[in-house]
Amino acid sequence: MDITHVEVLHDHVVWLRFADGFERTIDLAPYLHGPIFAEIRTNPAAFTAVHVDLEAGTIVWPNGADLAPDVLYEGRRSARMAAEAQAS
């Protein structure tokens, strides 16, 4: 499920291509939680600095933030998103 290409479309929406050829457009806004994503959420220039780390097989930002490729592949909620939903 490695990500091989990312393209920012607008706002927090990206287009992803995976190693198996699967492609998906996904809004990352719901995934950008926690202090490491604070600037990425609020600063468009920081968000658009996203790139693929081919060694890790996922998308990353210069500050070290990343997202699990399997979560993005399936478009499911991350563990953090699920925990926050249960808490509320």
PDB file of N, CA and C in Angstrom:
ATOM      1  N   MET A   1       0.804  -1.195   0.000  1.00  0.00           N
ATOM      2  CA  MET A   1       0.000   0.000   0.000  1.00  0.00           C
ATOM      3  C   MET A   1       0.849   1.261   0.000  1.00  0.00           C
ATOM      4  N   ASP A   2       2.073   1.165  -0.450  1.00  0.00           N
ATOM      5  CA  ASP A   2       2.944   2.335  -0.470  1.00  0.00           C
ATOM      6  C   ASP A   2       2.401   3.403  -1.408  1.00  0.00           C
ATOM      7  N   ILE A   3       2.558   4.634  -1.005  1.00  0.00           N
ATOM      8  CA  ILE A   3       2.200   5.774  -1.841  1.00  0.00           C
ATOM      9  C   ILE A   3       3.404   6.100  -2.721  1.00  0.00           C
ATOM     10  N   THR A   4       3.141   6.305  -4.013  1.00  0.00           N
ATOM     11  CA  THR A   4       4.224   6.605  -4.946  1.00  0.00           C
ATOM     12  C   THR A   4       4.154   8.021  -5.504  1.00  0.00           C
ATOM     13  N   HIS A   5       2.995   8.687  -5.368  1.00  0.00           N
ATOM     14  CA  HIS A   5       2.854  10.041  -5.907  1.00  0.00           C
ATOM     15  C   HIS A   5       1.788  10.795  -5.117  1.00  0.00           C
ATOM     16  N   VAL A   6       2.044  12.072  -4.870  1.00  0.00           N
ATOM     17  CA  VAL A   6       1.060  12.953  -4.237  1.00  0.00           C
ATOM     18  C   VAL A   6       1.006  14.252  -5.017  1.00  0.00           C
ATOM     19  N   GLU A   7      -0.195  14.759  -5.171  1.00  0.00           N
ATOM     20  CA  GLU A   7      -0.393  16.050  -5.821  1.00  0.00           C
ATOM     21  C   GLU A   7      -1.451  16.810  -5.028  1.00  0.00           C
ATOM     22  N   VAL A   8      -1.105  18.014  -4.604  1.00  0.00           N
ATOM     23  CA  VAL A   8      -2.065  18.865  -3.889  1.00  0.00           C
ATOM     24  C   VAL A   8      -3.028  19.443  -4.919  1.00  0.00           C
ATOM     25  N   LEU A   9      -4.332  19.262  -4.675  1.00  0.00           N
ATOM     26  CA  LEU A   9      -5.353  19.784  -5.585  1.00  0.00           C
ATOM     27  C   LEU A   9      -5.871  21.140  -5.133  1.00  0.00           C
ATOM     28  N   HIS A  10      -6.259  21.236  -3.858  1.00  0.00           N
ATOM     29  CA  HIS A  10      -6.729  22.493  -3.277  1.00  0.00           C
ATOM     30  C   HIS A  10      -6.934  22.270  -1.785  1.00  0.00           C
ATOM     31  N   ASP A  11      -6.988  23.374  -1.046  1.00  0.00           N
ATOM     32  CA  ASP A  11      -7.187  23.318   0.407  1.00  0.00           C
ATOM     33  C   ASP A  11      -6.362  22.175   0.994  1.00  0.00           C
ATOM     34  N   HIS A  12      -7.017  21.201   1.630  1.00  0.00           N
ATOM     35  CA  HIS A  12      -6.324  20.039   2.200  1.00  0.00           C
ATOM     36  C   HIS A  12      -6.587  18.779   1.393  1.00  0.00           C
ATOM     37  N   VAL A  13      -6.970  18.944   0.135  1.00  0.00           N
ATOM     38  CA  VAL A  13      -7.306  17.806  -0.729  1.00  0.00           C
ATOM     39  C   VAL A  13      -6.101  17.449  -1.597  1.00  0.00           C
ATOM     40  N   VAL A  14      -5.784  16.155  -1.602  1.00  0.00           N
ATOM     41  CA  VAL A  14      -4.669  15.658  -2.411  1.00  0.00           C
ATOM     42  C   VAL A  14      -5.124  14.488  -3.275  1.00  0.00           C
ATOM     43  N   TRP A  15      -4.377  14.268  -4.324  1.00  0.00           N
ATOM     44  CA  TRP A  15      -4.549  13.088  -5.163  1.00  0.00           C
ATOM     45  C   TRP A  15      -3.354  12.189  -4.887  1.00  0.00           C
ATOM     46  N   LEU A  16      -3.635  10.917  -4.629  1.00  0.00           N
ATOM     47  CA  LEU A  16      -2.585   9.950  -4.309  1.00  0.00           C
ATOM     48  C   LEU A  16      -2.572   8.816  -5.319  1.00  0.00           C
ATOM     49  N   ARG A  17      -1.386   8.324  -5.626  1.00  0.00           N
ATOM     50  CA  ARG A  17      -1.234   7.092  -6.396  1.00  0.00           C
ATOM     51  C   ARG A  17      -0.457   6.109  -5.516  1.00  0.00           C
ATOM     52  N   PHE A  18      -0.924   4.886  -5.501  1.00  0.00           N
ATOM     53  CA  PHE A  18      -0.310   3.834  -4.692  1.00  0.00           C
ATOM     54  C   PHE A  18       0.465   2.878  -5.593  1.00  0.00           C
ATOM     55  N   ALA A  19       1.352   2.103  -4.989  1.00  0.00           N
ATOM     56  CA  ALA A  19       2.232   1.206  -5.738  1.00  0.00           C
ATOM     57  C   ALA A  19       1.470   0.190  -6.584  1.00  0.00           C
ATOM     58  N   ASP A  20       0.256  -0.170  -6.165  1.00  0.00           N
ATOM     59  CA  ASP A  20      -0.515  -1.155  -6.936  1.00  0.00           C
ATOM     60  C   ASP A  20      -1.319  -0.508  -8.064  1.00  0.00           C
ATOM     61  N   GLY A  21      -1.152   0.817  -8.262  1.00  0.00           N
ATOM     62  CA  GLY A  21      -1.849   1.532  -9.323  1.00  0.00           C
ATOM     63  C   GLY A  21      -3.139   2.201  -8.884  1.00  0.00           C
ATOM     64  N   PHE A  22      -3.604   1.883  -7.685  1.00  0.00           N
ATOM     65  CA  PHE A  22      -4.830   2.504  -7.162  1.00  0.00           C
ATOM     66  C   PHE A  22      -4.598   3.998  -7.001  1.00  0.00           C
ATOM     67  N   GLU A  23      -5.603   4.795  -7.355  1.00  0.00           N
ATOM     68  CA  GLU A  23      -5.539   6.245  -7.207  1.00  0.00           C
ATOM     69  C   GLU A  23      -6.734   6.712  -6.395  1.00  0.00           C
ATOM     70  N   ARG A  24      -6.526   7.760  -5.624  1.00  0.00           N
ATOM     71  CA  ARG A  24      -7.602   8.279  -4.773  1.00  0.00           C
ATOM     72  C   ARG A  24      -7.404   9.768  -4.562  1.00  0.00           C
ATOM     73  N   THR A  25      -8.517  10.489  -4.542  1.00  0.00           N
ATOM     74  CA  THR A  25      -8.542  11.884  -4.114  1.00  0.00           C
ATOM     75  C   THR A  25      -9.121  11.879  -2.711  1.00  0.00           C
ATOM     76  N   ILE A  26      -8.434  12.550  -1.796  1.00  0.00           N
ATOM     77  CA  ILE A  26      -8.860  12.497  -0.398  1.00  0.00           C
ATOM     78  C   ILE A  26      -8.622  13.842   0.286  1.00  0.00           C
ATOM     79  N   ASP A  27      -9.586  14.226   1.105  1.00  0.00           N
ATOM     80  CA  ASP A  27      -9.462  15.430   1.930  1.00  0.00           C
ATOM     81  C   ASP A  27      -8.721  15.027   3.198  1.00  0.00           C
ATOM     82  N   LEU A  28      -7.554  15.578   3.397  1.00  0.00           N
ATOM     83  CA  LEU A  28      -6.735  15.221   4.561  1.00  0.00           C
ATOM     84  C   LEU A  28      -7.101  15.988   5.822  1.00  0.00           C
ATOM     85  N   ALA A  29      -7.970  16.991   5.718  1.00  0.00           N
ATOM     86  CA  ALA A  29      -8.301  17.817   6.888  1.00  0.00           C
ATOM     87  C   ALA A  29      -8.660  16.984   8.122  1.00  0.00           C
ATOM     88  N   PRO A  30      -9.484  15.935   8.004  1.00  0.00           N
ATOM     89  CA  PRO A  30      -9.820  15.160   9.209  1.00  0.00           C
ATOM     90  C   PRO A  30      -8.640  14.396   9.821  1.00  0.00           C
ATOM     91  N   TYR A  31      -7.552  14.247   9.078  1.00  0.00           N
ATOM     92  CA  TYR A  31      -6.396  13.497   9.549  1.00  0.00           C
ATOM     93  C   TYR A  31      -5.326  14.381  10.188  1.00  0.00           C
ATOM     94  N   LEU A  32      -5.462  15.678  10.055  1.00  0.00           N
ATOM     95  CA  LEU A  32      -4.417  16.607  10.496  1.00  0.00           C
ATOM     96  C   LEU A  32      -4.649  17.062  11.927  1.00  0.00           C
ATOM     97  N   HIS A  33      -4.489  16.137  12.867  1.00  0.00           N
ATOM     98  CA  HIS A  33      -4.707  16.408  14.294  1.00  0.00           C
ATOM     99  C   HIS A  33      -3.385  16.427  15.045  1.00  0.00           C
ATOM    100  N   GLY A  34      -3.386  17.115  16.141  1.00  0.00           N
ATOM    101  CA  GLY A  34      -2.238  17.131  17.029  1.00  0.00           C
ATOM    102  C   GLY A  34      -1.279  18.252  16.715  1.00  0.00           C
ATOM    103  N   PRO A  35      -0.376  18.499  17.645  1.00  0.00           N
ATOM    104  CA  PRO A  35       0.562  19.620  17.524  1.00  0.00           C
ATOM    105  C   PRO A  35       1.448  19.552  16.285  1.00  0.00           C
ATOM    106  N   ILE A  36       1.832  18.363  15.868  1.00  0.00           N
ATOM    107  CA  ILE A  36       2.736  18.255  14.710  1.00  0.00           C
ATOM    108  C   ILE A  36       2.074  18.743  13.425  1.00  0.00           C
ATOM    109  N   PHE A  37       0.733  18.706  13.385  1.00  0.00           N
ATOM    110  CA  PHE A  37       0.010  19.146  12.190  1.00  0.00           C
ATOM    111  C   PHE A  37      -0.511  20.582  12.301  1.00  0.00           C
ATOM    112  N   ALA A  38      -0.241  21.289  13.405  1.00  0.00           N
ATOM    113  CA  ALA A  38      -0.795  22.629  13.620  1.00  0.00           C
ATOM    114  C   ALA A  38      -0.473  23.583  12.473  1.00  0.00           C
ATOM    115  N   GLU A  39       0.781  23.703  12.112  1.00  0.00           N
ATOM    116  CA  GLU A  39       1.151  24.618  11.030  1.00  0.00           C
ATOM    117  C   GLU A  39       0.641  24.105   9.685  1.00  0.00           C
ATOM    118  N   ILE A  40       0.651  22.810   9.497  1.00  0.00           N
ATOM    119  CA  ILE A  40       0.181  22.213   8.242  1.00  0.00           C
ATOM    120  C   ILE A  40      -1.310  22.498   8.037  1.00  0.00           C
ATOM    121  N   ARG A  41      -2.072  22.478   9.124  1.00  0.00           N
ATOM    122  CA  ARG A  41      -3.514  22.780   9.065  1.00  0.00           C
ATOM    123  C   ARG A  41      -3.783  24.228   8.706  1.00  0.00           C
ATOM    124  N   THR A  42      -2.962  25.136   9.224  1.00  0.00           N
ATOM    125  CA  THR A  42      -3.279  26.563   9.138  1.00  0.00           C
ATOM    126  C   THR A  42      -2.480  27.343   8.096  1.00  0.00           C
ATOM    127  N   ASN A  43      -1.384  26.797   7.631  1.00  0.00           N
ATOM    128  CA  ASN A  43      -0.519  27.505   6.693  1.00  0.00           C
ATOM    129  C   ASN A  43      -0.512  26.761   5.357  1.00  0.00           C
ATOM    130  N   PRO A  44      -1.164  27.333   4.335  1.00  0.00           N
ATOM    131  CA  PRO A  44      -1.221  26.646   3.036  1.00  0.00           C
ATOM    132  C   PRO A  44       0.154  26.290   2.471  1.00  0.00           C
ATOM    133  N   ALA A  45       1.142  27.142   2.682  1.00  0.00           N
ATOM    134  CA  ALA A  45       2.487  26.850   2.180  1.00  0.00           C
ATOM    135  C   ALA A  45       3.077  25.621   2.871  1.00  0.00           C
ATOM    136  N   ALA A  46       2.827  25.491   4.154  1.00  0.00           N
ATOM    137  CA  ALA A  46       3.308  24.317   4.882  1.00  0.00           C
ATOM    138  C   ALA A  46       2.607  23.056   4.378  1.00  0.00           C
ATOM    139  N   PHE A  47       1.289  23.146   4.136  1.00  0.00           N
ATOM    140  CA  PHE A  47       0.560  21.970   3.628  1.00  0.00           C
ATOM    141  C   PHE A  47       1.089  21.543   2.269  1.00  0.00           C
ATOM    142  N   THR A  48       1.313  22.503   1.379  1.00  0.00           N
ATOM    143  CA  THR A  48       1.729  22.149   0.018  1.00  0.00           C
ATOM    144  C   THR A  48       3.167  21.646  -0.060  1.00  0.00           C
ATOM    145  N   ALA A  49       3.891  21.663   1.045  1.00  0.00           N
ATOM    146  CA  ALA A  49       5.249  21.105   1.076  1.00  0.00           C
ATOM    147  C   ALA A  49       5.234  19.581   1.209  1.00  0.00           C
ATOM    148  N   VAL A  50       4.050  18.975   1.203  1.00  0.00           N
ATOM    149  CA  VAL A  50       3.930  17.521   1.310  1.00  0.00           C
ATOM    150  C   VAL A  50       4.652  16.855   0.136  1.00  0.00           C
ATOM    151  N   HIS A  51       5.287  15.733   0.416  1.00  0.00           N
ATOM    152  CA  HIS A  51       5.953  14.957  -0.621  1.00  0.00           C
ATOM    153  C   HIS A  51       5.952  13.480  -0.229  1.00  0.00           C
ATOM    154  N   VAL A  52       6.303  12.639  -1.167  1.00  0.00           N
ATOM    155  CA  VAL A  52       6.361  11.200  -0.906  1.00  0.00           C
ATOM    156  C   VAL A  52       7.757  10.844  -0.428  1.00  0.00           C
ATOM    157  N   ASP A  53       7.810  10.111   0.672  1.00  0.00           N
ATOM    158  CA  ASP A  53       9.053   9.501   1.140  1.00  0.00           C
ATOM    159  C   ASP A  53       9.009   8.070   0.623  1.00  0.00           C
ATOM    160  N   LEU A  54       9.751   7.799  -0.447  1.00  0.00           N
ATOM    161  CA  LEU A  54       9.690   6.479  -1.079  1.00  0.00           C
ATOM    162  C   LEU A  54      10.192   5.370  -0.157  1.00  0.00           C
ATOM    163  N   GLU A  55      11.109   5.690   0.719  1.00  0.00           N
ATOM    164  CA  GLU A  55      11.607   4.689   1.662  1.00  0.00           C
ATOM    165  C   GLU A  55      10.530   4.293   2.666  1.00  0.00           C
ATOM    166  N   ALA A  56       9.782   5.289   3.157  1.00  0.00           N
ATOM    167  CA  ALA A  56       8.711   5.031   4.124  1.00  0.00           C
ATOM    168  C   ALA A  56       7.416   4.605   3.425  1.00  0.00           C
ATOM    169  N   GLY A  57       7.290   4.943   2.134  1.00  0.00           N
ATOM    170  CA  GLY A  57       6.096   4.568   1.389  1.00  0.00           C
ATOM    171  C   GLY A  57       4.865   5.389   1.726  1.00  0.00           C
ATOM    172  N   THR A  58       5.083   6.607   2.202  1.00  0.00           N
ATOM    173  CA  THR A  58       3.944   7.442   2.568  1.00  0.00           C
ATOM    174  C   THR A  58       4.248   8.911   2.299  1.00  0.00           C
ATOM    175  N   ILE A  59       3.258   9.753   2.586  1.00  0.00           N
ATOM    176  CA  ILE A  59       3.461  11.189   2.426  1.00  0.00           C
ATOM    177  C   ILE A  59       3.976  11.773   3.732  1.00  0.00           C
ATOM    178  N   VAL A  60       4.855  12.754   3.591  1.00  0.00           N
ATOM    179  CA  VAL A  60       5.476  13.401   4.747  1.00  0.00           C
ATOM    180  C   VAL A  60       5.593  14.897   4.485  1.00  0.00           C
ATOM    181  N   TRP A  61       5.788  15.626   5.562  1.00  0.00           N
ATOM    182  CA  TRP A  61       6.038  17.063   5.491  1.00  0.00           C
ATOM    183  C   TRP A  61       7.425  17.332   6.060  1.00  0.00           C
ATOM    184  N   PRO A  62       8.013  18.475   5.721  1.00  0.00           N
ATOM    185  CA  PRO A  62       9.368  18.780   6.186  1.00  0.00           C
ATOM    186  C   PRO A  62       9.547  18.750   7.704  1.00  0.00           C
ATOM    187  N   ASN A  63       8.472  18.970   8.474  1.00  0.00           N
ATOM    188  CA  ASN A  63       8.604  18.947   9.933  1.00  0.00           C
ATOM    189  C   ASN A  63       8.580  17.535  10.502  1.00  0.00           C
ATOM    190  N   GLY A  64       8.490  16.508   9.642  1.00  0.00           N
ATOM    191  CA  GLY A  64       8.486  15.120  10.096  1.00  0.00           C
ATOM    192  C   GLY A  64       7.112  14.499  10.225  1.00  0.00           C
ATOM    193  N   ALA A  65       6.057  15.280  10.058  1.00  0.00           N
ATOM    194  CA  ALA A  65       4.697  14.737  10.127  1.00  0.00           C
ATOM    195  C   ALA A  65       4.468  13.783   8.955  1.00  0.00           C
ATOM    196  N   ASP A  66       3.728  12.727   9.216  1.00  0.00           N
ATOM    197  CA  ASP A  66       3.365  11.794   8.153  1.00  0.00           C
ATOM    198  C   ASP A  66       2.017  11.167   8.471  1.00  0.00           C
ATOM    199  N   LEU A  67       1.480  10.447   7.509  1.00  0.00           N
ATOM    200  CA  LEU A  67       0.207   9.749   7.682  1.00  0.00           C
ATOM    201  C   LEU A  67       0.377   8.312   7.217  1.00  0.00           C
ATOM    202  N   ALA A  68      -0.290   7.393   7.891  1.00  0.00           N
ATOM    203  CA  ALA A  68      -0.171   5.972   7.573  1.00  0.00           C
ATOM    204  C   ALA A  68      -0.766   5.694   6.193  1.00  0.00           C
ATOM    205  N   PRO A  69      -0.011   5.063   5.312  1.00  0.00           N
ATOM    206  CA  PRO A  69      -0.513   4.832   3.962  1.00  0.00           C
ATOM    207  C   PRO A  69      -1.723   3.908   3.916  1.00  0.00           C
ATOM    208  N   ASP A  70      -1.818   2.937   4.822  1.00  0.00           N
ATOM    209  CA  ASP A  70      -2.969   2.028   4.797  1.00  0.00           C
ATOM    210  C   ASP A  70      -4.262   2.754   5.155  1.00  0.00           C
ATOM    211  N   VAL A  71      -4.179   3.723   6.055  1.00  0.00           N
ATOM    212  CA  VAL A  71      -5.353   4.523   6.420  1.00  0.00           C
ATOM    213  C   VAL A  71      -5.815   5.335   5.207  1.00  0.00           C
ATOM    214  N   LEU A  72      -4.864   5.933   4.495  1.00  0.00           N
ATOM    215  CA  LEU A  72      -5.201   6.733   3.325  1.00  0.00           C
ATOM    216  C   LEU A  72      -5.693   5.866   2.172  1.00  0.00           C
ATOM    217  N   TYR A  73      -5.127   4.697   2.019  1.00  0.00           N
ATOM    218  CA  TYR A  73      -5.535   3.780   0.952  1.00  0.00           C
ATOM    219  C   TYR A  73      -7.008   3.413   1.099  1.00  0.00           C
ATOM    220  N   GLU A  74      -7.384   3.094   2.309  1.00  0.00           N
ATOM    221  CA  GLU A  74      -8.757   2.656   2.573  1.00  0.00           C
ATOM    222  C   GLU A  74      -9.696   3.818   2.865  1.00  0.00           C
ATOM    223  N   GLY A  75      -9.148   5.026   3.068  1.00  0.00           N
ATOM    224  CA  GLY A  75      -9.970   6.184   3.380  1.00  0.00           C
ATOM    225  C   GLY A  75     -10.683   6.047   4.708  1.00  0.00           C
ATOM    226  N   ARG A  76     -10.090   5.286   5.615  1.00  0.00           N
ATOM    227  CA  ARG A  76     -10.738   5.076   6.915  1.00  0.00           C
ATOM    228  C   ARG A  76     -10.204   6.047   7.954  1.00  0.00           C
ATOM    229  N   ARG A  77     -10.887   6.059   9.076  1.00  0.00           N
ATOM    230  CA  ARG A  77     -10.462   6.931  10.166  1.00  0.00           C
ATOM    231  C   ARG A  77      -9.184   6.390  10.796  1.00  0.00           C
ATOM    232  N   SER A  78      -8.317   7.298  11.168  1.00  0.00           N
ATOM    233  CA  SER A  78      -7.095   6.918  11.880  1.00  0.00           C
ATOM    234  C   SER A  78      -7.454   6.508  13.307  1.00  0.00           C
ATOM    235  N   ALA A  79      -6.526   5.918  14.015  1.00  0.00           N
ATOM    236  CA  ALA A  79      -6.746   5.534  15.408  1.00  0.00           C
ATOM    237  C   ALA A  79      -7.069   6.770  16.242  1.00  0.00           C
ATOM    238  N   ARG A  80      -6.408   7.877  15.984  1.00  0.00           N
ATOM    239  CA  ARG A  80      -6.663   9.118  16.723  1.00  0.00           C
ATOM    240  C   ARG A  80      -8.078   9.603  16.454  1.00  0.00           C
ATOM    241  N   MET A  81      -8.511   9.559  15.198  1.00  0.00           N
ATOM    242  CA  MET A  81      -9.862   9.998  14.856  1.00  0.00           C
ATOM    243  C   MET A  81     -10.904   9.126  15.554  1.00  0.00           C
ATOM    244  N   ALA A  82     -10.682   7.822  15.603  1.00  0.00           N
ATOM    245  CA  ALA A  82     -11.613   6.909  16.263  1.00  0.00           C
ATOM    246  C   ALA A  82     -11.664   7.185  17.763  1.00  0.00           C
ATOM    247  N   ALA A  83     -10.511   7.412  18.375  1.00  0.00           N
ATOM    248  CA  ALA A  83     -10.458   7.684  19.816  1.00  0.00           C
ATOM    249  C   ALA A  83     -11.184   8.985  20.143  1.00  0.00           C
ATOM    250  N   GLU A  84     -10.988  10.008  19.315  1.00  0.00           N
ATOM    251  CA  GLU A  84     -11.658  11.283  19.553  1.00  0.00           C
ATOM    252  C   GLU A  84     -13.172  11.156  19.386  1.00  0.00           C
ATOM    253  N   ALA A  85     -13.606  10.340  18.449  1.00  0.00           N
ATOM    254  CA  ALA A  85     -15.050  10.122  18.243  1.00  0.00           C
ATOM    255  C   ALA A  85     -15.663   9.425  19.443  1.00  0.00           C
ATOM    256  N   GLN A  86     -14.932   8.464  20.026  1.00  0.00           N
ATOM    257  CA  GLN A  86     -15.441   7.747  21.201  1.00  0.00           C
ATOM    258  C   GLN A  86     -15.491   8.651  22.418  1.00  0.00           C
ATOM    259  N   ALA A  87     -14.536   9.569  22.511  1.00  0.00           N
ATOM    260  CA  ALA A  87     -14.477  10.472  23.681  1.00  0.00           C
ATOM    261  C   ALA A  87     -15.594  11.507  23.670  1.00  0.00           C
ATOM    262  N   SER A  88     -16.111  11.810  22.496  1.00  0.00           N
ATOM    263  CA  SER A  88     -17.148  12.851  22.439  1.00  0.00           C
ATOM    264  C   SER A  88     -18.541  12.301  22.473  1.00  0.00           C
TER     265      SER A  88
END
